[in-house]
Amino acid sequence: MDFSKMMNNWLDSEEGWNDFEKDEQSDKSSKGELRSFLRKLSPEDKIDLHGKTTVEAEHLLKDFIKQSKKNGLRKILIIHGKGNHSKSGPVLSVWVKHYLESSSLCGETGHPNKRDGGNGATWVIFK
């Protein structure tokens, strides 16, 4: 019996599909568990961009992200402030958000709880 015929027979059997569905469900649950773990994980390093211009922040953040990923970190924290002292409103927080969204290294982002910076900081989970 040739391979394709064996594969079709296996896929046609309930056992074949059940195994496939179990593997798929197992993959989804393990990815979900990992994502949940990473969300709860404390950031493994942080950078403070308070008082920096967007040009200065871009150089610092770019290097920090590259080095963090290279070092195998999974989650980092970027402190950018809330923009309360800016005349025209928040600048760095908006800029950081756009930068992270366009980065090929950065995945999920969010804000820590209030005591860890709240809206004045952003955590990043690497892809």
PDB file of N, CA and C in Angstrom:
ATOM      1  N   MET A   1       0.857  -1.179   0.000  1.00  0.00           N
ATOM      2  CA  MET A   1       0.000   0.000   0.000  1.00  0.00           C
ATOM      3  C   MET A   1       0.902   1.241   0.000  1.00  0.00           C
ATOM      4  N   ASP A   2       0.617   2.182  -0.896  1.00  0.00           N
ATOM      5  CA  ASP A   2       1.455   3.385  -0.951  1.00  0.00           C
ATOM      6  C   ASP A   2       1.116   4.340   0.198  1.00  0.00           C
ATOM      7  N   PHE A   3       2.025   5.273   0.437  1.00  0.00           N
ATOM      8  CA  PHE A   3       1.915   6.173   1.583  1.00  0.00           C
ATOM      9  C   PHE A   3       0.640   7.017   1.555  1.00  0.00           C
ATOM     10  N   SER A   4       0.302   7.586   0.399  1.00  0.00           N
ATOM     11  CA  SER A   4      -0.874   8.456   0.338  1.00  0.00           C
ATOM     12  C   SER A   4      -2.155   7.688   0.634  1.00  0.00           C
ATOM     13  N   LYS A   5      -2.206   6.448   0.189  1.00  0.00           N
ATOM     14  CA  LYS A   5      -3.385   5.629   0.463  1.00  0.00           C
ATOM     15  C   LYS A   5      -3.470   5.321   1.967  1.00  0.00           C
ATOM     16  N   MET A   6      -2.318   5.029   2.580  1.00  0.00           N
ATOM     17  CA  MET A   6      -2.292   4.764   4.026  1.00  0.00           C
ATOM     18  C   MET A   6      -2.735   6.016   4.797  1.00  0.00           C
ATOM     19  N   MET A   7      -2.243   7.154   4.353  1.00  0.00           N
ATOM     20  CA  MET A   7      -2.590   8.404   5.030  1.00  0.00           C
ATOM     21  C   MET A   7      -4.083   8.683   4.902  1.00  0.00           C
ATOM     22  N   ASN A   8      -4.628   8.496   3.731  1.00  0.00           N
ATOM     23  CA  ASN A   8      -6.060   8.714   3.531  1.00  0.00           C
ATOM     24  C   ASN A   8      -6.890   7.767   4.384  1.00  0.00           C
ATOM     25  N   ASN A   9      -6.483   6.491   4.461  1.00  0.00           N
ATOM     26  CA  ASN A   9      -7.189   5.531   5.314  1.00  0.00           C
ATOM     27  C   ASN A   9      -7.148   5.973   6.776  1.00  0.00           C
ATOM     28  N   TRP A  10      -5.973   6.428   7.207  1.00  0.00           N
ATOM     29  CA  TRP A  10      -5.831   6.857   8.595  1.00  0.00           C
ATOM     30  C   TRP A  10      -6.697   8.089   8.864  1.00  0.00           C
ATOM     31  N   LEU A  11      -6.681   9.053   7.950  1.00  0.00           N
ATOM     32  CA  LEU A  11      -7.485  10.259   8.125  1.00  0.00           C
ATOM     33  C   LEU A  11      -8.980   9.968   8.068  1.00  0.00           C
ATOM     34  N   ASP A  12      -9.372   8.960   7.270  1.00  0.00           N
ATOM     35  CA  ASP A  12     -10.781   8.590   7.170  1.00  0.00           C
ATOM     36  C   ASP A  12     -11.281   7.904   8.433  1.00  0.00           C
ATOM     37  N   SER A  13     -10.375   7.307   9.172  1.00  0.00           N
ATOM     38  CA  SER A  13     -10.790   6.624  10.399  1.00  0.00           C
ATOM     39  C   SER A  13     -11.043   7.649  11.499  1.00  0.00           C
ATOM     40  N   GLU A  14     -11.940   7.319  12.405  1.00  0.00           N
ATOM     41  CA  GLU A  14     -12.213   8.239  13.524  1.00  0.00           C
ATOM     42  C   GLU A  14     -10.973   8.441  14.366  1.00  0.00           C
ATOM     43  N   GLU A  15     -10.199   7.376  14.530  1.00  0.00           N
ATOM     44  CA  GLU A  15      -9.017   7.444  15.374  1.00  0.00           C
ATOM     45  C   GLU A  15      -8.030   8.493  14.853  1.00  0.00           C
ATOM     46  N   GLY A  16      -7.829   8.552  13.569  1.00  0.00           N
ATOM     47  CA  GLY A  16      -6.918   9.520  12.973  1.00  0.00           C
ATOM     48  C   GLY A  16      -7.342  10.942  13.262  1.00  0.00           C
ATOM     49  N   TRP A  17      -8.621  11.243  13.037  1.00  0.00           N
ATOM     50  CA  TRP A  17      -9.113  12.599  13.275  1.00  0.00           C
ATOM     51  C   TRP A  17      -9.099  12.942  14.755  1.00  0.00           C
ATOM     52  N   ASN A  18      -9.431  11.954  15.591  1.00  0.00           N
ATOM     53  CA  ASN A  18      -9.410  12.223  17.032  1.00  0.00           C
ATOM     54  C   ASN A  18      -8.002  12.583  17.501  1.00  0.00           C
ATOM     55  N   ASP A  19      -6.993  11.870  16.972  1.00  0.00           N
ATOM     56  CA  ASP A  19      -5.613  12.184  17.341  1.00  0.00           C
ATOM     57  C   ASP A  19      -5.246  13.589  16.872  1.00  0.00           C
ATOM     58  N   PHE A  20      -5.644  13.926  15.658  1.00  0.00           N
ATOM     59  CA  PHE A  20      -5.352  15.243  15.103  1.00  0.00           C
ATOM     60  C   PHE A  20      -6.010  16.335  15.946  1.00  0.00           C
ATOM     61  N   GLU A  21      -7.277  16.140  16.307  1.00  0.00           N
ATOM     62  CA  GLU A  21      -7.999  17.133  17.103  1.00  0.00           C
ATOM     63  C   GLU A  21      -7.384  17.277  18.491  1.00  0.00           C
ATOM     64  N   LYS A  22      -6.954  16.140  19.078  1.00  0.00           N
ATOM     65  CA  LYS A  22      -6.322  16.197  20.398  1.00  0.00           C
ATOM     66  C   LYS A  22      -5.029  16.990  20.333  1.00  0.00           C
ATOM     67  N   ASP A  23      -4.214  16.754  19.288  1.00  0.00           N
ATOM     68  CA  ASP A  23      -2.965  17.485  19.142  1.00  0.00           C
ATOM     69  C   ASP A  23      -3.221  18.976  18.977  1.00  0.00           C
ATOM     70  N   GLU A  24      -4.227  19.310  18.178  1.00  0.00           N
ATOM     71  CA  GLU A  24      -4.561  20.707  17.941  1.00  0.00           C
ATOM     72  C   GLU A  24      -5.038  21.377  19.235  1.00  0.00           C
ATOM     73  N   GLN A  25      -5.873  20.691  19.989  1.00  0.00           N
ATOM     74  CA  GLN A  25      -6.357  21.233  21.262  1.00  0.00           C
ATOM     75  C   GLN A  25      -5.217  21.372  22.258  1.00  0.00           C
ATOM     76  N   SER A  26      -4.327  20.387  22.277  1.00  0.00           N
ATOM     77  CA  SER A  26      -3.181  20.423  23.175  1.00  0.00           C
ATOM     78  C   SER A  26      -2.293  21.612  22.845  1.00  0.00           C
ATOM     79  N   ASP A  27      -2.060  21.862  21.547  1.00  0.00           N
ATOM     80  CA  ASP A  27      -1.268  23.011  21.111  1.00  0.00           C
ATOM     81  C   ASP A  27      -1.903  24.310  21.580  1.00  0.00           C
ATOM     82  N   LYS A  28      -3.218  24.431  21.390  1.00  0.00           N
ATOM     83  CA  LYS A  28      -3.920  25.655  21.792  1.00  0.00           C
ATOM     84  C   LYS A  28      -3.843  25.865  23.290  1.00  0.00           C
ATOM     85  N   SER A  29      -4.025  24.789  24.073  1.00  0.00           N
ATOM     86  CA  SER A  29      -4.004  24.967  25.525  1.00  0.00           C
ATOM     87  C   SER A  29      -2.601  25.276  26.013  1.00  0.00           C
ATOM     88  N   SER A  30      -1.564  24.673  25.413  1.00  0.00           N
ATOM     89  CA  SER A  30      -0.209  24.978  25.859  1.00  0.00           C
ATOM     90  C   SER A  30       0.191  26.400  25.471  1.00  0.00           C
ATOM     91  N   LYS A  31      -0.254  26.881  24.304  1.00  0.00           N
ATOM     92  CA  LYS A  31       0.007  28.270  23.928  1.00  0.00           C
ATOM     93  C   LYS A  31      -0.722  29.220  24.870  1.00  0.00           C
ATOM     94  N   GLY A  32      -1.943  28.875  25.227  1.00  0.00           N
ATOM     95  CA  GLY A  32      -2.715  29.695  26.157  1.00  0.00           C
ATOM     96  C   GLY A  32      -2.072  29.735  27.533  1.00  0.00           C
ATOM     97  N   GLU A  33      -1.555  28.585  27.989  1.00  0.00           N
ATOM     98  CA  GLU A  33      -0.879  28.536  29.286  1.00  0.00           C
ATOM     99  C   GLU A  33       0.392  29.378  29.261  1.00  0.00           C
ATOM    100  N   LEU A  34       1.144  29.305  28.169  1.00  0.00           N
ATOM    101  CA  LEU A  34       2.368  30.093  28.053  1.00  0.00           C
ATOM    102  C   LEU A  34       2.040  31.577  28.048  1.00  0.00           C
ATOM    103  N   ARG A  35       1.038  31.961  27.284  1.00  0.00           N
ATOM    104  CA  ARG A  35       0.634  33.371  27.219  1.00  0.00           C
ATOM    105  C   ARG A  35       0.218  33.869  28.601  1.00  0.00           C
ATOM    106  N   SER A  36      -0.559  33.064  29.329  1.00  0.00           N
ATOM    107  CA  SER A  36      -0.997  33.433  30.672  1.00  0.00           C
ATOM    108  C   SER A  36       0.209  33.573  31.611  1.00  0.00           C
ATOM    109  N   PHE A  37       1.152  32.639  31.503  1.00  0.00           N
ATOM    110  CA  PHE A  37       2.366  32.684  32.320  1.00  0.00           C
ATOM    111  C   PHE A  37       3.149  33.960  32.045  1.00  0.00           C
ATOM    112  N   LEU A  38       3.324  34.300  30.763  1.00  0.00           N
ATOM    113  CA  LEU A  38       4.102  35.483  30.403  1.00  0.00           C
ATOM    114  C   LEU A  38       3.419  36.773  30.840  1.00  0.00           C
ATOM    115  N   ARG A  39       2.105  36.813  30.789  1.00  0.00           N
ATOM    116  CA  ARG A  39       1.393  38.014  31.252  1.00  0.00           C
ATOM    117  C   ARG A  39       1.630  38.247  32.741  1.00  0.00           C
ATOM    118  N   LYS A  40       1.687  37.166  33.515  1.00  0.00           N
ATOM    119  CA  LYS A  40       1.878  37.277  34.963  1.00  0.00           C
ATOM    120  C   LYS A  40       3.346  37.467  35.347  1.00  0.00           C
ATOM    121  N   LEU A  41       4.259  37.109  34.451  1.00  0.00           N
ATOM    122  CA  LEU A  41       5.689  37.198  34.714  1.00  0.00           C
ATOM    123  C   LEU A  41       6.107  38.649  34.939  1.00  0.00           C
ATOM    124  N   SER A  42       6.936  38.873  35.950  1.00  0.00           N
ATOM    125  CA  SER A  42       7.485  40.218  36.158  1.00  0.00           C
ATOM    126  C   SER A  42       8.454  40.521  35.025  1.00  0.00           C
ATOM    127  N   PRO A  43       8.522  41.768  34.597  1.00  0.00           N
ATOM    128  CA  PRO A  43       9.486  42.114  33.551  1.00  0.00           C
ATOM    129  C   PRO A  43      10.904  41.741  33.985  1.00  0.00           C
ATOM    130  N   GLU A  44      11.675  41.240  33.038  1.00  0.00           N
ATOM    131  CA  GLU A  44      13.024  40.773  33.346  1.00  0.00           C
ATOM    132  C   GLU A  44      14.065  41.888  33.235  1.00  0.00           C
ATOM    133  N   ASP A  45      13.680  43.005  32.644  1.00  0.00           N
ATOM    134  CA  ASP A  45      14.543  44.190  32.576  1.00  0.00           C
ATOM    135  C   ASP A  45      13.656  45.389  32.253  1.00  0.00           C
ATOM    136  N   LYS A  46      14.187  46.588  32.480  1.00  0.00           N
ATOM    137  CA  LYS A  46      13.392  47.782  32.195  1.00  0.00           C
ATOM    138  C   LYS A  46      14.282  48.905  31.704  1.00  0.00           C
ATOM    139  N   ILE A  47      13.646  49.855  31.039  1.00  0.00           N
ATOM    140  CA  ILE A  47      14.320  51.063  30.583  1.00  0.00           C
ATOM    141  C   ILE A  47      13.428  52.252  30.948  1.00  0.00           C
ATOM    142  N   ASP A  48      14.074  53.328  31.395  1.00  0.00           N
ATOM    143  CA  ASP A  48      13.340  54.535  31.776  1.00  0.00           C
ATOM    144  C   ASP A  48      13.630  55.631  30.751  1.00  0.00           C
ATOM    145  N   LEU A  49      12.605  56.052  30.052  1.00  0.00           N
ATOM    146  CA  LEU A  49      12.743  57.058  29.000  1.00  0.00           C
ATOM    147  C   LEU A  49      12.254  58.445  29.434  1.00  0.00           C
ATOM    148  N   HIS A  50      11.943  58.598  30.727  1.00  0.00           N
ATOM    149  CA  HIS A  50      11.497  59.905  31.242  1.00  0.00           C
ATOM    150  C   HIS A  50      12.444  61.012  30.799  1.00  0.00           C
ATOM    151  N   GLY A  51      11.888  62.121  30.345  1.00  0.00           N
ATOM    152  CA  GLY A  51      12.681  63.294  30.026  1.00  0.00           C
ATOM    153  C   GLY A  51      13.430  63.222  28.710  1.00  0.00           C
ATOM    154  N   LYS A  52      13.278  62.141  27.976  1.00  0.00           N
ATOM    155  CA  LYS A  52      13.969  61.995  26.689  1.00  0.00           C
ATOM    156  C   LYS A  52      13.099  62.547  25.567  1.00  0.00           C
ATOM    157  N   THR A  53      13.748  63.014  24.523  1.00  0.00           N
ATOM    158  CA  THR A  53      13.008  63.385  23.319  1.00  0.00           C
ATOM    159  C   THR A  53      12.689  62.099  22.570  1.00  0.00           C
ATOM    160  N   THR A  54      11.809  62.173  21.589  1.00  0.00           N
ATOM    161  CA  THR A  54      11.489  60.961  20.823  1.00  0.00           C
ATOM    162  C   THR A  54      12.710  60.470  20.040  1.00  0.00           C
ATOM    163  N   VAL A  55      13.556  61.375  19.591  1.00  0.00           N
ATOM    164  CA  VAL A  55      14.780  60.978  18.872  1.00  0.00           C
ATOM    165  C   VAL A  55      15.712  60.213  19.812  1.00  0.00           C
ATOM    166  N   GLU A  56      15.928  60.757  21.008  1.00  0.00           N
ATOM    167  CA  GLU A  56      16.770  60.072  21.998  1.00  0.00           C
ATOM    168  C   GLU A  56      16.147  58.734  22.393  1.00  0.00           C
ATOM    169  N   ALA A  57      14.841  58.752  22.634  1.00  0.00           N
ATOM    170  CA  ALA A  57      14.137  57.541  23.047  1.00  0.00           C
ATOM    171  C   ALA A  57      14.221  56.453  21.984  1.00  0.00           C
ATOM    172  N   GLU A  58      14.146  56.839  20.718  1.00  0.00           N
ATOM    173  CA  GLU A  58      14.192  55.844  19.643  1.00  0.00           C
ATOM    174  C   GLU A  58      15.510  55.083  19.652  1.00  0.00           C
ATOM    175  N   HIS A  59      16.617  55.795  19.781  1.00  0.00           N
ATOM    176  CA  HIS A  59      17.926  55.132  19.806  1.00  0.00           C
ATOM    177  C   HIS A  59      18.052  54.216  21.019  1.00  0.00           C
ATOM    178  N   LEU A  60      17.664  54.732  22.170  1.00  0.00           N
ATOM    179  CA  LEU A  60      17.763  53.941  23.400  1.00  0.00           C
ATOM    180  C   LEU A  60      16.863  52.709  23.355  1.00  0.00           C
ATOM    181  N   LEU A  61      15.621  52.903  22.927  1.00  0.00           N
ATOM    182  CA  LEU A  61      14.658  51.798  22.917  1.00  0.00           C
ATOM    183  C   LEU A  61      15.039  50.733  21.892  1.00  0.00           C
ATOM    184  N   LYS A  62      15.466  51.159  20.729  1.00  0.00           N
ATOM    185  CA  LYS A  62      15.874  50.220  19.683  1.00  0.00           C
ATOM    186  C   LYS A  62      17.005  49.318  20.187  1.00  0.00           C
ATOM    187  N   ASP A  63      18.038  49.921  20.784  1.00  0.00           N
ATOM    188  CA  ASP A  63      19.159  49.142  21.317  1.00  0.00           C
ATOM    189  C   ASP A  63      18.720  48.242  22.468  1.00  0.00           C
ATOM    190  N   PHE A  64      17.874  48.775  23.344  1.00  0.00           N
ATOM    191  CA  PHE A  64      17.399  48.006  24.500  1.00  0.00           C
ATOM    192  C   PHE A  64      16.609  46.778  24.055  1.00  0.00           C
ATOM    193  N   ILE A  65      15.722  46.955  23.101  1.00  0.00           N
ATOM    194  CA  ILE A  65      14.909  45.834  22.610  1.00  0.00           C
ATOM    195  C   ILE A  65      15.789  44.784  21.949  1.00  0.00           C
ATOM    196  N   LYS A  66      16.704  45.206  21.090  1.00  0.00           N
ATOM    197  CA  LYS A  66      17.606  44.258  20.421  1.00  0.00           C
ATOM    198  C   LYS A  66      18.421  43.460  21.429  1.00  0.00           C
ATOM    199  N   GLN A  67      19.007  44.163  22.397  1.00  0.00           N
ATOM    200  CA  GLN A  67      19.848  43.505  23.395  1.00  0.00           C
ATOM    201  C   GLN A  67      19.032  42.570  24.288  1.00  0.00           C
ATOM    202  N   SER A  68      17.846  42.987  24.663  1.00  0.00           N
ATOM    203  CA  SER A  68      16.987  42.160  25.505  1.00  0.00           C
ATOM    204  C   SER A  68      16.597  40.870  24.790  1.00  0.00           C
ATOM    205  N   LYS A  69      16.240  40.988  23.538  1.00  0.00           N
ATOM    206  CA  LYS A  69      15.872  39.809  22.742  1.00  0.00           C
ATOM    207  C   LYS A  69      17.088  38.899  22.572  1.00  0.00           C
ATOM    208  N   LYS A  70      18.247  39.506  22.281  1.00  0.00           N
ATOM    209  CA  LYS A  70      19.486  38.747  22.109  1.00  0.00           C
ATOM    210  C   LYS A  70      19.838  37.977  23.383  1.00  0.00           C
ATOM    211  N   ASN A  71      19.563  38.589  24.543  1.00  0.00           N
ATOM    212  CA  ASN A  71      19.865  37.961  25.834  1.00  0.00           C
ATOM    213  C   ASN A  71      18.822  36.922  26.248  1.00  0.00           C
ATOM    214  N   GLY A  72      17.817  36.725  25.419  1.00  0.00           N
ATOM    215  CA  GLY A  72      16.822  35.695  25.706  1.00  0.00           C
ATOM    216  C   GLY A  72      15.735  36.106  26.675  1.00  0.00           C
ATOM    217  N   LEU A  73      15.589  37.399  26.905  1.00  0.00           N
ATOM    218  CA  LEU A  73      14.521  37.853  27.795  1.00  0.00           C
ATOM    219  C   LEU A  73      13.181  37.638  27.117  1.00  0.00           C
ATOM    220  N   ARG A  74      12.162  37.430  27.936  1.00  0.00           N
ATOM    221  CA  ARG A  74      10.827  37.191  27.404  1.00  0.00           C
ATOM    222  C   ARG A  74       9.909  38.383  27.590  1.00  0.00           C
ATOM    223  N   LYS A  75      10.181  39.176  28.639  1.00  0.00           N
ATOM    224  CA  LYS A  75       9.289  40.293  28.955  1.00  0.00           C
ATOM    225  C   LYS A  75      10.108  41.460  29.505  1.00  0.00           C
ATOM    226  N   ILE A  76       9.825  42.652  28.995  1.00  0.00           N
ATOM    227  CA  ILE A  76      10.532  43.850  29.439  1.00  0.00           C
ATOM    228  C   ILE A  76       9.513  44.929  29.809  1.00  0.00           C
ATOM    229  N   LEU A  77      10.014  45.975  30.472  1.00  0.00           N
ATOM    230  CA  LEU A  77       9.167  47.093  30.863  1.00  0.00           C
ATOM    231  C   LEU A  77       9.782  48.384  30.342  1.00  0.00           C
ATOM    232  N   ILE A  78       8.952  49.210  29.733  1.00  0.00           N
ATOM    233  CA  ILE A  78       9.380  50.511  29.226  1.00  0.00           C
ATOM    234  C   ILE A  78       8.652  51.575  30.043  1.00  0.00           C
ATOM    235  N   ILE A  79       9.416  52.395  30.735  1.00  0.00           N
ATOM    236  CA  ILE A  79       8.833  53.482  31.524  1.00  0.00           C
ATOM    237  C   ILE A  79       8.907  54.741  30.664  1.00  0.00           C
ATOM    238  N   HIS A  80       7.751  55.284  30.331  1.00  0.00           N
ATOM    239  CA  HIS A  80       7.699  56.450  29.445  1.00  0.00           C
ATOM    240  C   HIS A  80       6.994  57.633  30.090  1.00  0.00           C
ATOM    241  N   GLY A  81       6.373  57.432  31.219  1.00  0.00           N
ATOM    242  CA  GLY A  81       5.644  58.506  31.894  1.00  0.00           C
ATOM    243  C   GLY A  81       4.247  58.659  31.316  1.00  0.00           C
ATOM    244  N   LYS A  82       3.450  59.431  32.005  1.00  0.00           N
ATOM    245  CA  LYS A  82       2.056  59.642  31.600  1.00  0.00           C
ATOM    246  C   LYS A  82       1.867  60.912  30.770  1.00  0.00           C
ATOM    247  N   GLY A  83       2.872  61.754  30.743  1.00  0.00           N
ATOM    248  CA  GLY A  83       2.763  62.994  29.983  1.00  0.00           C
ATOM    249  C   GLY A  83       2.031  64.086  30.734  1.00  0.00           C
ATOM    250  N   ASN A  84       1.918  63.957  32.052  1.00  0.00           N
ATOM    251  CA  ASN A  84       1.200  64.952  32.849  1.00  0.00           C
ATOM    252  C   ASN A  84       1.858  66.328  32.819  1.00  0.00           C
ATOM    253  N   HIS A  85       3.161  66.367  32.586  1.00  0.00           N
ATOM    254  CA  HIS A  85       3.876  67.640  32.617  1.00  0.00           C
ATOM    255  C   HIS A  85       4.121  68.214  31.220  1.00  0.00           C
ATOM    256  N   SER A  86       3.614  67.555  30.213  1.00  0.00           N
ATOM    257  CA  SER A  86       3.761  68.055  28.841  1.00  0.00           C
ATOM    258  C   SER A  86       2.628  69.019  28.528  1.00  0.00           C
ATOM    259  N   LYS A  87       2.968  70.116  27.910  1.00  0.00           N
ATOM    260  CA  LYS A  87       1.963  71.123  27.577  1.00  0.00           C
ATOM    261  C   LYS A  87       0.955  70.590  26.557  1.00  0.00           C
ATOM    262  N   SER A  88       1.447  69.788  25.630  1.00  0.00           N
ATOM    263  CA  SER A  88       0.567  69.292  24.564  1.00  0.00           C
ATOM    264  C   SER A  88       0.078  67.860  24.818  1.00  0.00           C
ATOM    265  N   GLY A  89       0.189  67.374  26.041  1.00  0.00           N
ATOM    266  CA  GLY A  89      -0.263  66.027  26.370  1.00  0.00           C
ATOM    267  C   GLY A  89       0.847  65.005  26.185  1.00  0.00           C
ATOM    268  N   PRO A  90       0.514  63.752  26.397  1.00  0.00           N
ATOM    269  CA  PRO A  90       1.530  62.699  26.328  1.00  0.00           C
ATOM    270  C   PRO A  90       2.167  62.607  24.942  1.00  0.00           C
ATOM    271  N   VAL A  91       3.481  62.522  24.922  1.00  0.00           N
ATOM    272  CA  VAL A  91       4.208  62.382  23.664  1.00  0.00           C
ATOM    273  C   VAL A  91       4.862  61.002  23.625  1.00  0.00           C
ATOM    274  N   LEU A  92       5.674  60.713  24.647  1.00  0.00           N
ATOM    275  CA  LEU A  92       6.416  59.448  24.636  1.00  0.00           C
ATOM    276  C   LEU A  92       5.511  58.215  24.683  1.00  0.00           C
ATOM    277  N   SER A  93       4.459  58.261  25.476  1.00  0.00           N
ATOM    278  CA  SER A  93       3.601  57.072  25.576  1.00  0.00           C
ATOM    279  C   SER A  93       2.963  56.752  24.229  1.00  0.00           C
ATOM    280  N   VAL A  94       2.534  57.760  23.517  1.00  0.00           N
ATOM    281  CA  VAL A  94       1.938  57.559  22.191  1.00  0.00           C
ATOM    282  C   VAL A  94       2.999  57.059  21.215  1.00  0.00           C
ATOM    283  N   TRP A  95       4.167  57.677  21.261  1.00  0.00           N
ATOM    284  CA  TRP A  95       5.255  57.285  20.373  1.00  0.00           C
ATOM    285  C   TRP A  95       5.684  55.841  20.646  1.00  0.00           C
ATOM    286  N   VAL A  96       5.842  55.477  21.924  1.00  0.00           N
ATOM    287  CA  VAL A  96       6.245  54.107  22.293  1.00  0.00           C
ATOM    288  C   VAL A  96       5.230  53.099  21.764  1.00  0.00           C
ATOM    289  N   LYS A  97       3.962  53.388  21.918  1.00  0.00           N
ATOM    290  CA  LYS A  97       2.918  52.486  21.430  1.00  0.00           C
ATOM    291  C   LYS A  97       3.073  52.225  19.934  1.00  0.00           C
ATOM    292  N   HIS A  98       3.238  53.279  19.158  1.00  0.00           N
ATOM    293  CA  HIS A  98       3.404  53.135  17.705  1.00  0.00           C
ATOM    294  C   HIS A  98       4.694  52.385  17.366  1.00  0.00           C
ATOM    295  N   TYR A  99       5.760  52.674  18.102  1.00  0.00           N
ATOM    296  CA  TYR A  99       7.040  52.004  17.857  1.00  0.00           C
ATOM    297  C   TYR A  99       6.902  50.495  18.088  1.00  0.00           C
ATOM    298  N   LEU A 100       6.279  50.115  19.185  1.00  0.00           N
ATOM    299  CA  LEU A 100       6.135  48.697  19.517  1.00  0.00           C
ATOM    300  C   LEU A 100       5.243  47.974  18.512  1.00  0.00           C
ATOM    301  N   GLU A 101       4.196  48.653  18.057  1.00  0.00           N
ATOM    302  CA  GLU A 101       3.290  48.046  17.078  1.00  0.00           C
ATOM    303  C   GLU A 101       3.989  47.774  15.750  1.00  0.00           C
ATOM    304  N   SER A 102       4.999  48.572  15.419  1.00  0.00           N
ATOM    305  CA  SER A 102       5.701  48.388  14.148  1.00  0.00           C
ATOM    306  C   SER A 102       6.934  47.487  14.275  1.00  0.00           C
ATOM    307  N   SER A 103       7.292  47.098  15.478  1.00  0.00           N
ATOM    308  CA  SER A 103       8.481  46.274  15.696  1.00  0.00           C
ATOM    309  C   SER A 103       8.212  44.811  15.368  1.00  0.00           C
ATOM    310  N   SER A 104       9.134  44.211  14.647  1.00  0.00           N
ATOM    311  CA  SER A 104       9.004  42.785  14.314  1.00  0.00           C
ATOM    312  C   SER A 104       9.390  41.890  15.490  1.00  0.00           C
ATOM    313  N   LEU A 105      10.003  42.434  16.520  1.00  0.00           N
ATOM    314  CA  LEU A 105      10.427  41.651  17.679  1.00  0.00           C
ATOM    315  C   LEU A 105       9.398  41.631  18.800  1.00  0.00           C
ATOM    316  N   CYS A 106       8.540  42.634  18.816  1.00  0.00           N
ATOM    317  CA  CYS A 106       7.616  42.805  19.936  1.00  0.00           C
ATOM    318  C   CYS A 106       6.254  42.192  19.637  1.00  0.00           C
ATOM    319  N   GLY A 107       5.732  41.497  20.627  1.00  0.00           N
ATOM    320  CA  GLY A 107       4.416  40.891  20.503  1.00  0.00           C
ATOM    321  C   GLY A 107       3.403  41.644  21.342  1.00  0.00           C
ATOM    322  N   GLU A 108       2.831  40.935  22.282  1.00  0.00           N
ATOM    323  CA  GLU A 108       1.785  41.503  23.119  1.00  0.00           C
ATOM    324  C   GLU A 108       2.342  42.595  24.033  1.00  0.00           C
ATOM    325  N   THR A 109       1.527  43.627  24.269  1.00  0.00           N
ATOM    326  CA  THR A 109       1.907  44.711  25.164  1.00  0.00           C
ATOM    327  C   THR A 109       0.758  44.993  26.124  1.00  0.00           C
ATOM    328  N   GLY A 110       1.077  45.690  27.193  1.00  0.00           N
ATOM    329  CA  GLY A 110       0.049  46.080  28.152  1.00  0.00           C
ATOM    330  C   GLY A 110       0.635  47.008  29.194  1.00  0.00           C
ATOM    331  N   HIS A 111      -0.205  47.442  30.106  1.00  0.00           N
ATOM    332  CA  HIS A 111       0.242  48.319  31.180  1.00  0.00           C
ATOM    333  C   HIS A 111       0.261  47.531  32.486  1.00  0.00           C
ATOM    334  N   PRO A 112       1.292  47.749  33.302  1.00  0.00           N
ATOM    335  CA  PRO A 112       1.347  47.061  34.596  1.00  0.00           C
ATOM    336  C   PRO A 112       0.322  47.656  35.564  1.00  0.00           C
ATOM    337  N   ASN A 113       0.230  47.047  36.738  1.00  0.00           N
ATOM    338  CA  ASN A 113      -0.682  47.611  37.737  1.00  0.00           C
ATOM    339  C   ASN A 113      -0.151  48.971  38.192  1.00  0.00           C
ATOM    340  N   LYS A 114      -0.986  49.709  38.887  1.00  0.00           N
ATOM    341  CA  LYS A 114      -0.689  51.099  39.257  1.00  0.00           C
ATOM    342  C   LYS A 114       0.628  51.226  40.027  1.00  0.00           C
ATOM    343  N   ARG A 115       0.882  50.341  40.972  1.00  0.00           N
ATOM    344  CA  ARG A 115       2.095  50.475  41.792  1.00  0.00           C
ATOM    345  C   ARG A 115       3.374  50.215  40.994  1.00  0.00           C
ATOM    346  N   ASP A 116       3.260  49.558  39.827  1.00  0.00           N
ATOM    347  CA  ASP A 116       4.422  49.301  38.973  1.00  0.00           C
ATOM    348  C   ASP A 116       4.510  50.263  37.787  1.00  0.00           C
ATOM    349  N   GLY A 117       3.691  51.311  37.808  1.00  0.00           N
ATOM    350  CA  GLY A 117       3.785  52.322  36.763  1.00  0.00           C
ATOM    351  C   GLY A 117       2.480  52.615  36.057  1.00  0.00           C
ATOM    352  N   GLY A 118       1.536  51.702  36.108  1.00  0.00           N
ATOM    353  CA  GLY A 118       0.245  51.932  35.478  1.00  0.00           C
ATOM    354  C   GLY A 118       0.374  52.394  34.036  1.00  0.00           C
ATOM    355  N   ASN A 119      -0.363  53.433  33.687  1.00  0.00           N
ATOM    356  CA  ASN A 119      -0.338  53.957  32.312  1.00  0.00           C
ATOM    357  C   ASN A 119       0.957  54.681  31.964  1.00  0.00           C
ATOM    358  N   GLY A 120       1.826  54.859  32.930  1.00  0.00           N
ATOM    359  CA  GLY A 120       3.116  55.507  32.678  1.00  0.00           C
ATOM    360  C   GLY A 120       4.194  54.529  32.248  1.00  0.00           C
ATOM    361  N   ALA A 121       3.809  53.278  32.072  1.00  0.00           N
ATOM    362  CA  ALA A 121       4.764  52.241  31.656  1.00  0.00           C
ATOM    363  C   ALA A 121       4.042  51.234  30.757  1.00  0.00           C
ATOM    364  N   THR A 122       4.810  50.540  29.967  1.00  0.00           N
ATOM    365  CA  THR A 122       4.274  49.511  29.068  1.00  0.00           C
ATOM    366  C   THR A 122       5.146  48.275  29.145  1.00  0.00           C
ATOM    367  N   TRP A 123       4.520  47.111  29.381  1.00  0.00           N
ATOM    368  CA  TRP A 123       5.298  45.873  29.309  1.00  0.00           C
ATOM    369  C   TRP A 123       5.159  45.288  27.909  1.00  0.00           C
ATOM    370  N   VAL A 124       6.185  44.531  27.530  1.00  0.00           N
ATOM    371  CA  VAL A 124       6.246  43.937  26.199  1.00  0.00           C
ATOM    372  C   VAL A 124       6.652  42.477  26.337  1.00  0.00           C
ATOM    373  N   ILE A 125       5.913  41.616  25.661  1.00  0.00           N
ATOM    374  CA  ILE A 125       6.296  40.208  25.545  1.00  0.00           C
ATOM    375  C   ILE A 125       6.848  40.029  24.133  1.00  0.00           C
ATOM    376  N   PHE A 126       8.068  39.485  24.052  1.00  0.00           N
ATOM    377  CA  PHE A 126       8.685  39.285  22.747  1.00  0.00           C
ATOM    378  C   PHE A 126       8.011  38.145  21.973  1.00  0.00           C
ATOM    379  N   LYS A 127       8.058  38.271  20.652  1.00  0.00           N
ATOM    380  CA  LYS A 127       7.537  37.210  19.762  1.00  0.00           C
ATOM    381  C   LYS A 127       8.465  36.015  19.841  1.00  0.00           C
TER     382      LYS A 127
END
